Amino acid sequence: MLSEYVLENRAFHDAVGGAVFASWETSTLRRYLNTEMFGRFTVQERERISETTVVNNDTTYRNPNPDYYDDTVDRLFLLSVGEVMRYLEDFESRMTTNAALSHFDNSGSSWWLRTSTIDSEESVFVVGGTQGGGNIGRSGQLDRIYGAGVRPAMWVYLLESGVVP
């Protein structure tokens, strides 16, 4: 399940007091999604959100190296470039708006992916909103620090006979 809208803008990694650059595994955004944002769900909703092994072997865009990043275990995560290409095949399906601004501005929002580049740790990838036409693009250090849209994904247990695993 992927959020229909960008839920908020946030830095990929808060560099205050630490490393400026981070992979998905070490990012403060990952920590935030799986603690604070996950905690906003009700107890019943949290029980239905699956703990998922997030495979990060395609997180090195244009220079794939499956050994560069470790897989993570998350309940909430960002899509990778590979997942966007698989689940959101056409540009139009990638376009979204910011939930807080959707009534005022339908021009689209860019949103983070967990994908980084192996050749430039200053870059992570975002998907441009309607202004970017749904293209996948690279974002430099300032956007990484100051923020882009957060559009979390999760796998959920479906209710079968009223029983949740």
C-alpha atoms as a PDB file:
ATOM      1  CA  MET A   1       0.000   0.000   0.000  1.00  0.00           C
ATOM      2  CA  LEU A   2       1.347   3.416  -0.988  1.00  0.00           C
ATOM      3  CA  SER A   3       0.075   6.694   0.413  1.00  0.00           C
ATOM      4  CA  GLU A   4      -2.067   8.450  -2.166  1.00  0.00           C
ATOM      5  CA  TYR A   5      -0.638  11.839  -1.203  1.00  0.00           C
ATOM      6  CA  VAL A   6       2.573  13.309   0.103  1.00  0.00           C
ATOM      7  CA  LEU A   7       1.800  13.411   3.819  1.00  0.00           C
ATOM      8  CA  GLU A   8       4.424  15.964   4.792  1.00  0.00           C
ATOM      9  CA  ASN A   9       7.763  17.399   3.749  1.00  0.00           C
ATOM     10  CA  ARG A  10      10.800  16.252   5.648  1.00  0.00           C
ATOM     11  CA  ALA A  11      14.557  15.934   5.225  1.00  0.00           C
ATOM     12  CA  PHE A  12      15.862  12.549   4.122  1.00  0.00           C
ATOM     13  CA  HIS A  13      18.538  12.801   6.783  1.00  0.00           C
ATOM     14  CA  ASP A  14      18.847  15.324   9.588  1.00  0.00           C
ATOM     15  CA  ALA A  15      22.531  16.177   9.514  1.00  0.00           C
ATOM     16  CA  VAL A  16      22.552  18.008  12.856  1.00  0.00           C
ATOM     17  CA  GLY A  17      25.344  16.543  14.920  1.00  0.00           C
ATOM     18  CA  GLY A  18      26.119  13.718  12.523  1.00  0.00           C
ATOM     19  CA  ALA A  19      26.968  12.659   9.019  1.00  0.00           C
ATOM     20  CA  VAL A  20      25.438  14.818   6.292  1.00  0.00           C
ATOM     21  CA  PHE A  21      24.916  11.886   3.944  1.00  0.00           C
ATOM     22  CA  ALA A  22      23.099   8.684   4.745  1.00  0.00           C
ATOM     23  CA  SER A  23      21.750   5.620   3.028  1.00  0.00           C
ATOM     24  CA  TRP A  24      18.164   4.514   3.598  1.00  0.00           C
ATOM     25  CA  GLU A  25      19.457   2.167   6.293  1.00  0.00           C
ATOM     26  CA  THR A  26      21.006   4.975   8.356  1.00  0.00           C
ATOM     27  CA  SER A  27      18.680   7.873   7.475  1.00  0.00           C
ATOM     28  CA  THR A  28      16.726   9.794  10.070  1.00  0.00           C
ATOM     29  CA  LEU A  29      13.681   9.612   7.767  1.00  0.00           C
ATOM     30  CA  ARG A  30      13.644   5.818   8.070  1.00  0.00           C
ATOM     31  CA  ARG A  31      13.903   6.081  11.842  1.00  0.00           C
ATOM     32  CA  TYR A  32      11.083   8.664  11.912  1.00  0.00           C
ATOM     33  CA  LEU A  33       8.739   6.575   9.748  1.00  0.00           C
ATOM     34  CA  ASN A  34       9.184   3.461  11.874  1.00  0.00           C
ATOM     35  CA  THR A  35       8.869   5.193  15.239  1.00  0.00           C
ATOM     36  CA  GLU A  36       6.926   8.461  15.285  1.00  0.00           C
ATOM     37  CA  MET A  37       4.776   8.001  12.187  1.00  0.00           C
ATOM     38  CA  PHE A  38       4.142   4.310  12.911  1.00  0.00           C
ATOM     39  CA  GLY A  39       3.101   5.325  16.436  1.00  0.00           C
ATOM     40  CA  ARG A  40       0.314   7.530  15.022  1.00  0.00           C
ATOM     41  CA  PHE A  41      -1.616   4.457  13.891  1.00  0.00           C
ATOM     42  CA  THR A  42      -4.098   2.852  16.280  1.00  0.00           C
ATOM     43  CA  VAL A  43      -3.150  -0.399  17.994  1.00  0.00           C
ATOM     44  CA  GLN A  44      -5.442  -2.308  15.623  1.00  0.00           C
ATOM     45  CA  GLU A  45      -3.887  -0.624  12.572  1.00  0.00           C
ATOM     46  CA  ARG A  46      -0.328  -1.299  13.802  1.00  0.00           C
ATOM     47  CA  GLU A  47      -1.175  -4.995  14.188  1.00  0.00           C
ATOM     48  CA  ARG A  48      -2.150  -5.147  10.501  1.00  0.00           C
ATOM     49  CA  ILE A  49       1.027  -3.457   9.198  1.00  0.00           C
ATOM     50  CA  SER A  50       3.497  -6.178   8.287  1.00  0.00           C
ATOM     51  CA  GLU A  51       7.112  -6.128   9.373  1.00  0.00           C
ATOM     52  CA  THR A  52       8.802  -6.314   5.974  1.00  0.00           C
ATOM     53  CA  THR A  53      12.304  -7.141   4.828  1.00  0.00           C
ATOM     54  CA  VAL A  54      13.018  -4.211   2.536  1.00  0.00           C
ATOM     55  CA  VAL A  55      15.429  -5.357  -0.159  1.00  0.00           C
ATOM     56  CA  ASN A  56      17.860  -2.572  -0.922  1.00  0.00           C
ATOM     57  CA  ASN A  57      19.866  -4.155  -3.748  1.00  0.00           C
ATOM     58  CA  ASP A  58      18.423  -1.726  -6.302  1.00  0.00           C
ATOM     59  CA  THR A  59      19.089   1.358  -4.206  1.00  0.00           C
ATOM     60  CA  THR A  60      22.183   2.263  -6.210  1.00  0.00           C
ATOM     61  CA  TYR A  61      20.738   3.924  -9.257  1.00  0.00           C
ATOM     62  CA  ARG A  62      22.703   3.591 -12.530  1.00  0.00           C
ATOM     63  CA  ASN A  63      25.482   1.669 -10.858  1.00  0.00           C
ATOM     64  CA  PRO A  64      23.848  -1.354  -9.238  1.00  0.00           C
ATOM     65  CA  ASN A  65      25.902  -3.153  -6.651  1.00  0.00           C
ATOM     66  CA  PRO A  66      23.767  -5.522  -4.580  1.00  0.00           C
ATOM     67  CA  ASP A  67      26.373  -5.606  -1.815  1.00  0.00           C
ATOM     68  CA  TYR A  68      26.575  -1.826  -1.345  1.00  0.00           C
ATOM     69  CA  TYR A  69      23.560  -1.468   0.997  1.00  0.00           C
ATOM     70  CA  ASP A  70      22.153  -3.880   3.543  1.00  0.00           C
ATOM     71  CA  ASP A  71      18.511  -4.901   3.541  1.00  0.00           C
ATOM     72  CA  THR A  72      16.391  -3.446   6.329  1.00  0.00           C
ATOM     73  CA  VAL A  73      13.352  -4.594   8.287  1.00  0.00           C
ATOM     74  CA  ASP A  74      10.690  -1.906   8.324  1.00  0.00           C
ATOM     75  CA  ARG A  75       6.980  -1.454   8.781  1.00  0.00           C
ATOM     76  CA  LEU A  76       6.893   1.856   6.877  1.00  0.00           C
ATOM     77  CA  PHE A  77       9.328   2.505   4.045  1.00  0.00           C
ATOM     78  CA  LEU A  78       9.886   4.503   0.876  1.00  0.00           C
ATOM     79  CA  LEU A  79       9.748   2.940  -2.564  1.00  0.00           C
ATOM     80  CA  SER A  80      12.950   2.331  -4.503  1.00  0.00           C
ATOM     81  CA  VAL A  81      13.476   3.258  -8.152  1.00  0.00           C
ATOM     82  CA  GLY A  82      12.885  -0.395  -9.086  1.00  0.00           C
ATOM     83  CA  GLU A  83       9.589  -0.510  -7.206  1.00  0.00           C
ATOM     84  CA  VAL A  84       8.404   2.728  -8.824  1.00  0.00           C
ATOM     85  CA  MET A  85       9.184   1.268 -12.243  1.00  0.00           C
ATOM     86  CA  ARG A  86       7.307  -1.937 -11.329  1.00  0.00           C
ATOM     87  CA  TYR A  87       4.230  -0.552  -9.523  1.00  0.00           C
ATOM     88  CA  LEU A  88       3.878   2.908 -11.092  1.00  0.00           C
ATOM     89  CA  GLU A  89       4.795   2.195 -14.687  1.00  0.00           C
ATOM     90  CA  ASP A  90       3.453   5.332 -16.333  1.00  0.00           C
ATOM     91  CA  PHE A  91       4.411   8.907 -15.465  1.00  0.00           C
ATOM     92  CA  GLU A  92       0.854   9.942 -14.628  1.00  0.00           C
ATOM     93  CA  SER A  93       0.524   7.302 -11.895  1.00  0.00           C
ATOM     94  CA  ARG A  94       3.603   8.768 -10.167  1.00  0.00           C
ATOM     95  CA  MET A  95       2.167  12.250  -9.821  1.00  0.00           C
ATOM     96  CA  THR A  96       0.668  13.263  -6.498  1.00  0.00           C
ATOM     97  CA  THR A  97      -0.064  16.289  -4.381  1.00  0.00           C
ATOM     98  CA  ASN A  98       0.714  17.288  -0.831  1.00  0.00           C
ATOM     99  CA  ALA A  99      -2.233  16.228   1.363  1.00  0.00           C
ATOM    100  CA  ALA A 100      -2.093  19.469   3.353  1.00  0.00           C
ATOM    101  CA  LEU A 101      -2.138  21.587   0.192  1.00  0.00           C
ATOM    102  CA  SER A 102      -4.327  19.483  -2.100  1.00  0.00           C
ATOM    103  CA  HIS A 103      -7.336  21.787  -1.713  1.00  0.00           C
ATOM    104  CA  PHE A 104      -5.262  24.864  -2.587  1.00  0.00           C
ATOM    105  CA  ASP A 105      -2.634  23.711  -5.043  1.00  0.00           C
ATOM    106  CA  ASN A 106      -2.891  20.775  -7.420  1.00  0.00           C
ATOM    107  CA  SER A 107       0.458  21.426  -9.127  1.00  0.00           C
ATOM    108  CA  GLY A 108       2.050  18.291  -7.720  1.00  0.00           C
ATOM    109  CA  SER A 109       4.734  17.405  -5.232  1.00  0.00           C
ATOM    110  CA  SER A 110       8.084  15.716  -5.452  1.00  0.00           C
ATOM    111  CA  TRP A 111       8.623  12.809  -3.104  1.00  0.00           C
ATOM    112  CA  TRP A 112      11.552  10.848  -1.745  1.00  0.00           C
ATOM    113  CA  LEU A 113      12.606   7.391  -2.812  1.00  0.00           C
ATOM    114  CA  ARG A 114      14.985   5.335  -0.703  1.00  0.00           C
ATOM    115  CA  THR A 115      17.339   5.077  -3.673  1.00  0.00           C
ATOM    116  CA  SER A 116      20.781   6.660  -3.474  1.00  0.00           C
ATOM    117  CA  THR A 117      23.622   6.802  -5.957  1.00  0.00           C
ATOM    118  CA  ILE A 118      26.760   4.809  -5.437  1.00  0.00           C
ATOM    119  CA  ASP A 119      28.899   7.406  -7.204  1.00  0.00           C
ATOM    120  CA  SER A 120      27.561  10.490  -5.410  1.00  0.00           C
ATOM    121  CA  GLU A 121      26.503  10.286  -1.792  1.00  0.00           C
ATOM    122  CA  GLU A 122      25.179  13.823  -2.143  1.00  0.00           C
ATOM    123  CA  SER A 123      22.273  12.537  -4.186  1.00  0.00           C
ATOM    124  CA  VAL A 124      19.038  10.732  -3.542  1.00  0.00           C
ATOM    125  CA  PHE A 125      16.227  10.328  -5.991  1.00  0.00           C
ATOM    126  CA  VAL A 126      12.829  11.945  -5.973  1.00  0.00           C
ATOM    127  CA  VAL A 127       9.904  11.584  -8.282  1.00  0.00           C
ATOM    128  CA  GLY A 128       8.791  14.938  -9.630  1.00  0.00           C
ATOM    129  CA  GLY A 129       5.136  15.853  -9.272  1.00  0.00           C
ATOM    130  CA  THR A 130       3.138  17.283 -12.137  1.00  0.00           C
ATOM    131  CA  GLN A 131       5.835  19.912 -12.612  1.00  0.00           C
ATOM    132  CA  GLY A 132       8.387  17.140 -13.103  1.00  0.00           C
ATOM    133  CA  GLY A 133       6.011  15.046 -15.163  1.00  0.00           C
ATOM    134  CA  GLY A 134       6.495  12.005 -12.919  1.00  0.00           C
ATOM    135  CA  ASN A 135      10.143  11.661 -13.922  1.00  0.00           C
ATOM    136  CA  ILE A 136      12.718  10.186 -11.624  1.00  0.00           C
ATOM    137  CA  GLY A 137      15.425  12.713 -10.871  1.00  0.00           C
ATOM    138  CA  ARG A 138      18.419  13.320  -8.701  1.00  0.00           C
ATOM    139  CA  SER A 139      18.394  15.680  -5.769  1.00  0.00           C
ATOM    140  CA  GLY A 140      21.466  17.314  -4.326  1.00  0.00           C
ATOM    141  CA  GLN A 141      22.574  18.026  -0.796  1.00  0.00           C
ATOM    142  CA  LEU A 142      20.235  20.961  -0.083  1.00  0.00           C
ATOM    143  CA  ASP A 143      17.059  19.057  -0.935  1.00  0.00           C
ATOM    144  CA  ARG A 144      18.343  16.104   0.985  1.00  0.00           C
ATOM    145  CA  ILE A 145      18.795  18.230   4.073  1.00  0.00           C
ATOM    146  CA  TYR A 146      15.820  20.589   3.748  1.00  0.00           C
ATOM    147  CA  GLY A 147      13.224  18.172   2.543  1.00  0.00           C
ATOM    148  CA  ALA A 148      10.921  16.786  -0.072  1.00  0.00           C
ATOM    149  CA  GLY A 149       7.641  14.931   0.187  1.00  0.00           C
ATOM    150  CA  VAL A 150       7.157  11.819   2.278  1.00  0.00           C
ATOM    151  CA  ARG A 151       4.910   9.218   0.678  1.00  0.00           C
ATOM    152  CA  PRO A 152       5.259   6.090   2.808  1.00  0.00           C
ATOM    153  CA  ALA A 153       4.540   2.556   1.687  1.00  0.00           C
ATOM    154  CA  MET A 154       3.664  -0.527   3.712  1.00  0.00           C
ATOM    155  CA  TRP A 155       2.500  -4.090   3.352  1.00  0.00           C
ATOM    156  CA  VAL A 156      -0.670  -4.884   5.295  1.00  0.00           C
ATOM    157  CA  TYR A 157      -2.351  -8.075   6.396  1.00  0.00           C
ATOM    158  CA  LEU A 158      -5.789  -8.439   4.820  1.00  0.00           C
ATOM    159  CA  LEU A 159      -8.592  -9.521   7.076  1.00  0.00           C
ATOM    160  CA  GLU A 160      -9.617 -13.085   6.382  1.00  0.00           C
ATOM    161  CA  SER A 161     -12.438 -14.420   8.525  1.00  0.00           C
ATOM    162  CA  GLY A 162     -11.798 -11.581  10.937  1.00  0.00           C
ATOM    163  CA  VAL A 163      -8.396 -12.971  11.993  1.00  0.00           C
ATOM    164  CA  VAL A 164      -5.193 -10.958  11.796  1.00  0.00           C
ATOM    165  CA  PRO A 165      -1.967 -13.002  11.898  1.00  0.00           C
END
